[in-house]
């Protein structure tokens, strides 16, 4: 039953992603134009821009690399969870490559001139959701303190949300770029967690996994 739900979730995420791709051709209008106007209006507010830049940094390439390696190190050496370490490393790296491949395929220009690279889907939104999603998963799995678990869910959920918001309010992405990043990141994160669950179960047949424990 749980695998049927995961399959339906994957199909839904990919279906919505394809739907977003089909809406971004042509002139900028609708929700993208609306949020681009808001982004233009707040660019004179220096403090707001600074806060958005700091928020965005939490999913920047240096931060993704550092936190990914830290998580891999903790899983591999502290928790002796080689499968977890390999999963995080493989799926964050492949997620980065997938994001670049889709950007090169779509070739959507950025809303602001001078910003490097193509726009769709947002790498910050996609990789931020993946990295902090993995981090949240392993905190819930390994930390038994309910207060820490609940606090982590709130903190990381808000961080993922605010990272996406910062990208289109800084006018470095359209809102649909961020939405596309969330959908593709959610898809690839789900594949990664499914991979982890199946491999872990295969390698530990004498200690069957509690699906509720691994898959939430």
Protein backbone atom coordinates (compact mmCIF):
# COMPACT_ATOMS: atom_id res chain seq x y z
CA UNK A 1 0.00 0.00 0.00
CA UNK A 2 2.76 2.43 0.94
CA UNK A 3 4.54 1.89 -2.39
CA UNK A 4 1.33 2.58 -4.29
CA UNK A 5 1.07 5.91 -2.46
CA UNK A 6 4.71 6.73 -3.27
CA UNK A 7 4.14 5.89 -6.94
CA UNK A 8 1.07 8.12 -7.04
CA UNK A 9 3.05 10.90 -5.33
CA UNK A 10 5.84 10.61 -7.90
CA UNK A 11 3.36 10.68 -10.77
CA UNK A 12 1.61 13.71 -9.26
CA UNK A 13 4.86 15.62 -8.77
CA UNK A 14 6.07 14.88 -12.29
CA UNK A 15 2.66 15.65 -13.77
CA UNK A 16 2.54 19.04 -12.04
CA UNK A 17 6.12 19.75 -13.09
CA UNK A 18 5.27 19.05 -16.74
CA UNK A 19 2.20 21.25 -16.34
CA UNK A 20 4.36 24.14 -15.12
CA UNK A 21 6.79 23.61 -18.02
CA UNK A 22 3.89 23.93 -20.45
CA UNK A 23 2.82 27.28 -18.96
CA UNK A 24 6.15 29.13 -19.08
CA UNK A 25 6.45 29.52 -22.85
CA UNK A 26 5.72 32.94 -24.28
CA UNK A 27 5.56 36.35 -22.62
CA UNK A 28 5.66 36.77 -18.85
CA UNK A 29 2.17 37.13 -17.42
CA UNK A 30 -0.10 36.06 -14.59
CA UNK A 31 1.54 34.98 -11.36
CA UNK A 32 5.08 35.62 -12.66
CA UNK A 33 4.26 39.19 -13.64
CA UNK A 34 2.52 39.79 -10.32
CA UNK A 35 5.47 38.70 -8.18
CA UNK A 36 7.97 40.39 -10.49
CA UNK A 37 6.15 43.66 -9.82
CA UNK A 38 6.41 43.06 -6.07
CA UNK A 39 10.12 42.28 -6.43
CA UNK A 40 10.66 45.53 -8.32
CA UNK A 41 8.84 47.53 -5.65
CA UNK A 42 10.90 46.19 -2.73
CA UNK A 43 14.32 46.66 -4.31
CA UNK A 44 14.64 50.09 -2.70
CA UNK A 45 14.31 48.56 0.78
CA UNK A 46 17.90 47.71 1.64
CA UNK A 47 17.15 45.80 4.85
CA UNK A 48 14.58 43.58 3.13
CA UNK A 49 17.00 42.81 0.31
CA UNK A 50 19.73 41.95 2.79
CA UNK A 51 17.44 39.54 4.66
CA UNK A 52 16.44 37.90 1.37
CA UNK A 53 20.08 37.52 0.35
CA UNK A 54 20.98 35.88 3.67
CA UNK A 55 18.01 33.52 3.33
CA UNK A 56 18.98 32.67 -0.23
CA UNK A 57 22.53 31.86 0.89
CA UNK A 58 21.25 28.84 2.83
CA UNK A 59 20.74 27.10 -0.54
CA UNK A 60 23.76 28.55 -2.32
CA UNK A 61 26.28 26.22 -3.91
CA UNK A 62 28.89 26.58 -1.10
CA UNK A 63 26.26 25.94 1.59
CA UNK A 64 24.82 22.93 -0.26
CA UNK A 65 28.31 21.43 -0.62
CA UNK A 66 29.32 22.06 3.00
CA UNK A 67 26.09 20.78 4.57
CA UNK A 68 25.92 17.78 2.23
CA UNK A 69 29.45 16.73 3.17
CA UNK A 70 28.71 17.26 6.87
CA UNK A 71 25.56 15.14 6.63
CA UNK A 72 27.43 12.46 4.69
CA UNK A 73 30.17 12.49 7.33
CA UNK A 74 27.75 12.20 10.24
CA UNK A 75 25.84 9.37 8.58
CA UNK A 76 28.92 7.49 7.43
CA UNK A 77 31.18 7.84 10.45
CA UNK A 78 28.97 8.66 13.42
CA UNK A 79 25.84 6.65 12.60
CA UNK A 80 27.60 3.96 10.53
CA UNK A 81 24.86 4.42 7.96
CA UNK A 82 26.78 3.90 4.73
CA UNK A 83 23.60 3.57 2.69
CA UNK A 84 22.38 6.92 4.00
CA UNK A 85 25.70 8.62 3.28
CA UNK A 86 25.83 7.25 -0.26
CA UNK A 87 22.18 8.16 -0.86
CA UNK A 88 22.64 11.78 0.19
CA UNK A 89 25.84 12.19 -1.82
CA UNK A 90 24.48 10.49 -4.92
CA UNK A 91 21.09 12.18 -5.00
CA UNK A 92 22.23 15.71 -4.13
CA UNK A 93 24.94 15.48 -6.81
CA UNK A 94 22.60 13.95 -9.38
CA UNK A 95 19.96 16.53 -8.42
CA UNK A 96 22.44 19.29 -9.25
CA UNK A 97 23.19 17.67 -12.62
CA UNK A 98 19.49 17.12 -13.30
CA UNK A 99 18.74 20.77 -12.54
CA UNK A 100 21.44 21.94 -14.95
CA UNK A 101 20.23 19.54 -17.63
CA UNK A 102 16.64 20.77 -17.40
CA UNK A 103 17.81 24.39 -17.44
CA UNK A 104 19.80 23.72 -20.61
CA UNK A 105 16.77 22.03 -22.16
CA UNK A 106 14.21 24.72 -21.27
CA UNK A 107 16.58 27.70 -21.83
CA UNK A 108 14.40 30.17 -19.97
CA UNK A 109 16.10 33.51 -19.49
CA UNK A 110 16.37 35.13 -16.07
CA UNK A 111 14.02 37.99 -15.15
CA UNK A 112 17.08 40.13 -14.31
CA UNK A 113 19.84 40.78 -16.82
CA UNK A 114 23.35 39.90 -15.75
CA UNK A 115 22.40 36.93 -13.56
CA UNK A 116 24.37 33.87 -14.60
CA UNK A 117 22.67 30.80 -16.05
CA UNK A 118 19.17 29.91 -17.12
CA UNK A 119 16.15 30.40 -14.92
CA UNK A 120 13.94 27.29 -14.90
CA UNK A 121 13.85 25.44 -12.58
CA UNK A 122 15.36 27.26 -9.60
CA UNK A 123 18.43 25.41 -8.36
CA UNK A 124 18.16 27.03 -4.94
CA UNK A 125 14.57 25.84 -4.53
CA UNK A 126 15.26 22.35 -5.87
CA UNK A 127 18.52 21.61 -4.05
CA UNK A 128 17.43 23.42 -0.90
CA UNK A 129 14.34 21.23 -0.68
CA UNK A 130 16.41 18.11 -1.34
CA UNK A 131 19.20 18.81 1.14
CA UNK A 132 17.02 20.04 3.98
CA UNK A 133 14.50 17.32 3.18
CA UNK A 134 17.22 14.68 3.61
CA UNK A 135 18.43 16.40 6.77
CA UNK A 136 14.92 16.46 8.22
CA UNK A 137 14.35 12.82 7.33
CA UNK A 138 17.47 11.65 9.14
CA UNK A 139 16.80 13.86 12.16
CA UNK A 140 13.35 12.31 12.48
CA UNK A 141 14.83 8.84 11.98
CA UNK A 142 17.74 9.08 14.41
CA UNK A 143 16.64 11.64 17.02
CA UNK A 144 14.14 10.22 19.50
CA UNK A 145 13.29 13.50 21.23
CA UNK A 146 9.80 14.51 20.04
CA UNK A 147 10.40 18.20 20.76
CA UNK A 148 13.51 18.21 18.56
CA UNK A 149 11.63 16.37 15.83
CA UNK A 150 8.70 18.79 15.82
CA UNK A 151 10.97 21.83 16.01
CA UNK A 152 13.02 20.48 13.09
CA UNK A 153 9.90 20.00 10.97
CA UNK A 154 8.83 23.60 11.57
CA UNK A 155 12.29 25.14 11.11
CA UNK A 156 13.26 23.26 7.96
CA UNK A 157 9.81 23.63 6.37
CA UNK A 158 9.94 27.40 6.88
CA UNK A 159 13.53 27.57 5.66
CA UNK A 160 12.66 25.70 2.46
CA UNK A 161 9.67 28.00 1.92
CA UNK A 162 11.61 31.21 2.57
CA UNK A 163 14.48 30.14 0.31
CA UNK A 164 12.04 29.87 -2.58
CA UNK A 165 10.37 33.18 -1.74
CA UNK A 166 13.76 34.90 -1.58
CA UNK A 167 14.60 33.79 -5.11
CA UNK A 168 11.66 35.45 -6.83
CA UNK A 169 11.59 38.49 -4.54
CA UNK A 170 15.25 39.10 -5.43
CA UNK A 171 14.11 38.92 -9.07
CA UNK A 172 16.69 36.23 -9.80
CA UNK A 173 13.90 33.80 -10.71
CA UNK A 174 10.28 33.87 -11.72
CA UNK A 175 7.79 32.44 -9.28
CA UNK A 176 7.16 29.49 -11.62
CA UNK A 177 10.91 28.75 -11.60
CA UNK A 178 10.68 28.28 -7.86
CA UNK A 179 7.53 26.17 -8.16
CA UNK A 180 9.25 24.01 -10.78
CA UNK A 181 12.27 23.64 -8.50
CA UNK A 182 10.11 22.49 -5.62
CA UNK A 183 8.26 19.96 -7.78
CA UNK A 184 11.37 18.50 -9.41
CA UNK A 185 13.24 18.56 -6.10
CA UNK A 186 10.33 16.86 -4.35
CA UNK A 187 10.25 14.21 -7.06
CA UNK A 188 13.98 13.47 -6.85
CA UNK A 189 14.00 13.58 -3.04
CA UNK A 190 11.16 11.03 -2.96
CA UNK A 191 13.09 8.78 -5.36
CA UNK A 192 16.13 9.12 -3.10
CA UNK A 193 14.22 8.22 0.05
CA UNK A 194 12.61 5.27 -1.72
CA UNK A 195 16.06 4.12 -2.86
CA UNK A 196 17.36 4.40 0.71
CA UNK A 197 14.42 2.47 2.12
CA UNK A 198 14.65 -0.38 -0.38
CA UNK A 199 18.44 -0.77 -0.21
CA UNK A 200 18.44 -0.60 3.58
CA UNK A 201 15.74 -3.27 3.75
CA UNK A 202 17.62 -5.47 1.27
CA UNK A 203 20.89 -5.24 3.20
CA UNK A 204 19.32 -5.92 6.61
CA UNK A 205 16.95 -8.86 6.00
CA UNK A 206 17.32 -10.09 9.58
CA UNK A 207 15.98 -6.79 10.91
CA UNK A 208 12.99 -5.87 8.76
CA UNK A 209 12.47 -2.16 8.50
CA UNK A 210 9.48 -0.47 10.03
CA UNK A 211 8.06 1.36 7.02
CA UNK A 212 6.45 3.94 9.28
CA UNK A 213 9.83 4.69 10.82
CA UNK A 214 11.57 5.14 7.47
CA UNK A 215 8.89 6.73 5.37
CA UNK A 216 7.30 8.91 8.03
